[in-house]
Every structure is written in structure tokens, then in C-alpha cells.
Amino acid sequence: MVPFMMLALALVWQVLLIGLTSMYASHGAAEAARQAAVTPDDMERIDEEARKRVLAPWDAPDVLSTSVVDRDGERYARVTVAMPVFLPGTSGPWDITGEAKIVTEVAPLDGVDEPPPGAEPSDAEGGDA
């Protein structure tokens, strides 16, 4: 009975490691997407911000990688974390990837002073007095 209990415990532990790795990949991708929206050309800063959301040893350079990918006309931040086998910090043959869409900020209108759609013009703009 003890070997089966140890096997069950090992499987539960591995599932927990899979969940943690997936969570870290997702959080890292979200943070990388936020940073890429502000500084799209600074890959070093994007990688640094993604690593801030991931605890050691998942944030090691040989375990975590960050990239920005273009797909179907959209940009995505992709964080790939090596899946640990039984001990955090040991890399297995699998990777878990998290992606987040990069939403760029809207550029301001160039000097156009128009009211929003559906808004009535004010008296200062030449309305009826």
C-alpha cells in the first residue's frame, strides 16, 4: 500500500508543479504585454518586467524566455517556462507557454477639437445663444 501512496503523492506534486508553472507563464506574459504596450522596441525591459512576476527558480535565464510574436495582424507577448520534473529548478523535456495580446495605446488626434459622437455642441462653440 505504501508504494501506491507514494506514487499518488508524486503525481499530485507533479500536477501542482504544472499548475504553478502555467500560472507563472500566464502572469509573465500579461506583464510582458503591458510593458510592450508602453515600450514596444525595448525587448530587454519587456523581459525584465516579465521576470518580475515569476518567482525563483522559474525566472532563471535557462528556464524562462520572453518573446513578442506577430500573428494574424496582432502582436502577442509570449513567455515560455521549462516544466520542472519533481523539483523546481530542474528542467524537463516540456515547456509551458503563456500568451497575452499587446494592446497599443490609441494615438491622440492631431489638433482636432471635435466633441465626442452624440454630444451636443456648447455655447462657446457657436451654438444658439
Protein backbone atom coordinates (compact mmCIF):
# COMPACT_ATOMS: atom_id res chain seq x y z
CA MET A 1 0.00 0.00 0.00
CA VAL A 2 2.85 2.44 0.80
CA PRO A 3 4.31 2.38 -2.76
CA PHE A 4 0.90 3.30 -4.20
CA MET A 5 0.52 6.14 -1.72
CA MET A 6 3.99 7.44 -2.62
CA LEU A 7 3.14 7.24 -6.34
CA ALA A 8 -0.12 9.11 -5.75
CA LEU A 9 1.71 11.77 -3.74
CA ALA A 10 4.33 12.14 -6.50
CA LEU A 11 1.59 12.55 -9.13
CA VAL A 12 -0.22 15.18 -7.06
CA TRP A 13 3.07 17.04 -6.54
CA GLN A 14 3.79 16.98 -10.29
CA VAL A 15 0.30 18.29 -11.09
CA LEU A 16 0.90 21.11 -8.59
CA LEU A 17 4.18 21.97 -10.33
CA ILE A 18 2.39 22.01 -13.70
CA GLY A 19 -0.21 24.42 -12.30
CA LEU A 20 2.40 26.73 -10.78
CA THR A 21 4.43 26.77 -13.99
CA SER A 22 1.32 27.56 -16.02
CA MET A 23 0.37 30.36 -13.63
CA TYR A 24 3.86 31.89 -13.83
CA ALA A 25 3.86 31.71 -17.64
CA SER A 26 0.48 33.44 -17.76
CA HIS A 27 1.42 36.18 -15.28
CA GLY A 28 4.74 36.77 -17.02
CA ALA A 29 3.02 37.07 -20.41
CA ALA A 30 0.49 39.57 -19.04
CA GLU A 31 3.24 41.73 -17.56
CA ALA A 32 5.30 41.50 -20.76
CA ALA A 33 2.26 42.59 -22.81
CA ARG A 34 1.71 45.59 -20.53
CA GLN A 35 5.33 46.64 -20.90
CA ALA A 36 5.32 46.03 -24.66
CA ALA A 37 2.33 48.36 -25.00
CA VAL A 38 4.42 51.16 -23.49
CA THR A 39 7.91 50.34 -24.83
CA PRO A 40 7.41 48.11 -27.88
CA ASP A 41 11.04 48.29 -29.05
CA ASP A 42 12.79 47.62 -25.72
CA MET A 43 12.89 43.81 -25.53
CA GLU A 44 15.27 43.89 -22.55
CA ARG A 45 12.75 45.90 -20.50
CA ILE A 46 9.89 43.62 -21.60
CA ASP A 47 11.84 40.55 -20.46
CA GLU A 48 12.76 42.25 -17.17
CA GLU A 49 9.12 43.06 -16.39
CA ALA A 50 8.01 39.51 -17.22
CA ARG A 51 10.60 38.07 -14.83
CA LYS A 52 9.36 40.29 -12.00
CA ARG A 53 6.09 38.31 -11.91
CA VAL A 54 7.85 34.94 -11.68
CA LEU A 55 9.47 33.56 -8.53
CA ALA A 56 12.83 31.80 -8.41
CA PRO A 57 13.84 29.26 -9.75
CA TRP A 58 11.27 29.67 -12.54
CA ASP A 59 12.77 33.05 -13.51
CA ALA A 60 16.25 31.75 -14.35
CA PRO A 61 17.58 32.63 -17.84
CA ASP A 62 17.78 28.96 -18.86
CA VAL A 63 14.20 28.29 -17.64
CA LEU A 64 12.18 31.33 -18.81
CA SER A 65 12.20 33.01 -22.21
CA THR A 66 10.24 36.02 -23.44
CA SER A 67 9.36 36.97 -27.00
CA VAL A 68 6.96 39.16 -28.96
CA VAL A 69 5.22 37.43 -31.87
CA ASP A 70 3.04 38.71 -34.71
CA ARG A 71 0.07 36.55 -35.63
CA ASP A 72 -2.91 37.46 -37.82
CA GLY A 73 -2.03 41.15 -37.72
CA GLU A 74 -1.94 41.24 -33.91
CA ARG A 75 1.05 41.29 -31.55
CA TYR A 76 1.33 38.92 -28.60
CA ALA A 77 3.77 38.65 -25.71
CA ARG A 78 4.85 35.05 -25.27
CA VAL A 79 6.53 33.68 -22.15
CA THR A 80 7.81 30.10 -22.20
CA VAL A 81 8.77 28.36 -18.97
CA ALA A 82 10.53 24.98 -18.81
CA MET A 83 8.39 22.43 -16.97
CA PRO A 84 10.13 21.18 -13.79
CA VAL A 85 10.18 17.46 -13.06
CA PHE A 86 9.59 16.74 -9.33
CA LEU A 87 11.80 19.61 -8.14
CA PRO A 88 11.51 23.30 -9.06
CA GLY A 89 14.63 24.33 -10.90
CA THR A 90 15.03 21.03 -12.75
CA SER A 91 14.01 21.26 -16.38
CA GLY A 92 12.10 18.51 -18.09
CA PRO A 93 11.52 17.92 -21.78
CA TRP A 94 8.31 20.03 -21.83
CA ASP A 95 7.66 23.74 -21.92
CA ILE A 96 4.57 25.65 -20.87
CA THR A 97 3.76 28.81 -22.81
CA GLY A 98 1.60 31.75 -21.82
CA GLU A 99 0.48 34.43 -24.26
CA ALA A 100 -1.14 37.82 -23.83
CA LYS A 101 -2.32 40.21 -26.52
CA ILE A 102 -0.48 43.53 -26.70
CA VAL A 103 -2.99 46.38 -26.84
CA THR A 104 -1.25 49.50 -28.03
CA GLU A 105 -2.42 52.85 -26.74
CA VAL A 106 -4.52 54.98 -29.10
CA ALA A 107 -2.64 57.86 -30.69
CA PRO A 108 -4.14 61.28 -29.89
CA LEU A 109 -5.93 63.20 -32.62
CA ASP A 110 -3.73 65.87 -34.21
CA GLY A 111 -5.24 69.17 -33.00
CA VAL A 112 -8.81 68.25 -33.91
CA ASP A 113 -11.27 69.68 -31.38
CA GLU A 114 -14.43 67.72 -32.08
CA PRO A 115 -16.98 66.73 -29.48
CA PRO A 116 -17.49 63.01 -28.90
CA PRO A 117 -20.17 61.34 -31.03
CA GLY A 118 -23.66 62.10 -29.72
CA ALA A 119 -22.58 65.14 -27.68
CA GLU A 120 -24.28 68.48 -28.28
CA PRO A 121 -22.07 71.47 -29.10
CA SER A 122 -21.74 74.00 -26.27
CA ASP A 123 -22.50 77.71 -26.48
CA ALA A 124 -18.78 78.51 -26.69
CA GLU A 125 -18.52 76.56 -29.93
CA GLY A 126 -21.04 78.73 -31.77
CA GLY A 127 -24.31 77.17 -30.72
CA ASP A 128 -27.54 79.16 -30.36
CA ALA A 129 -27.35 81.83 -27.65
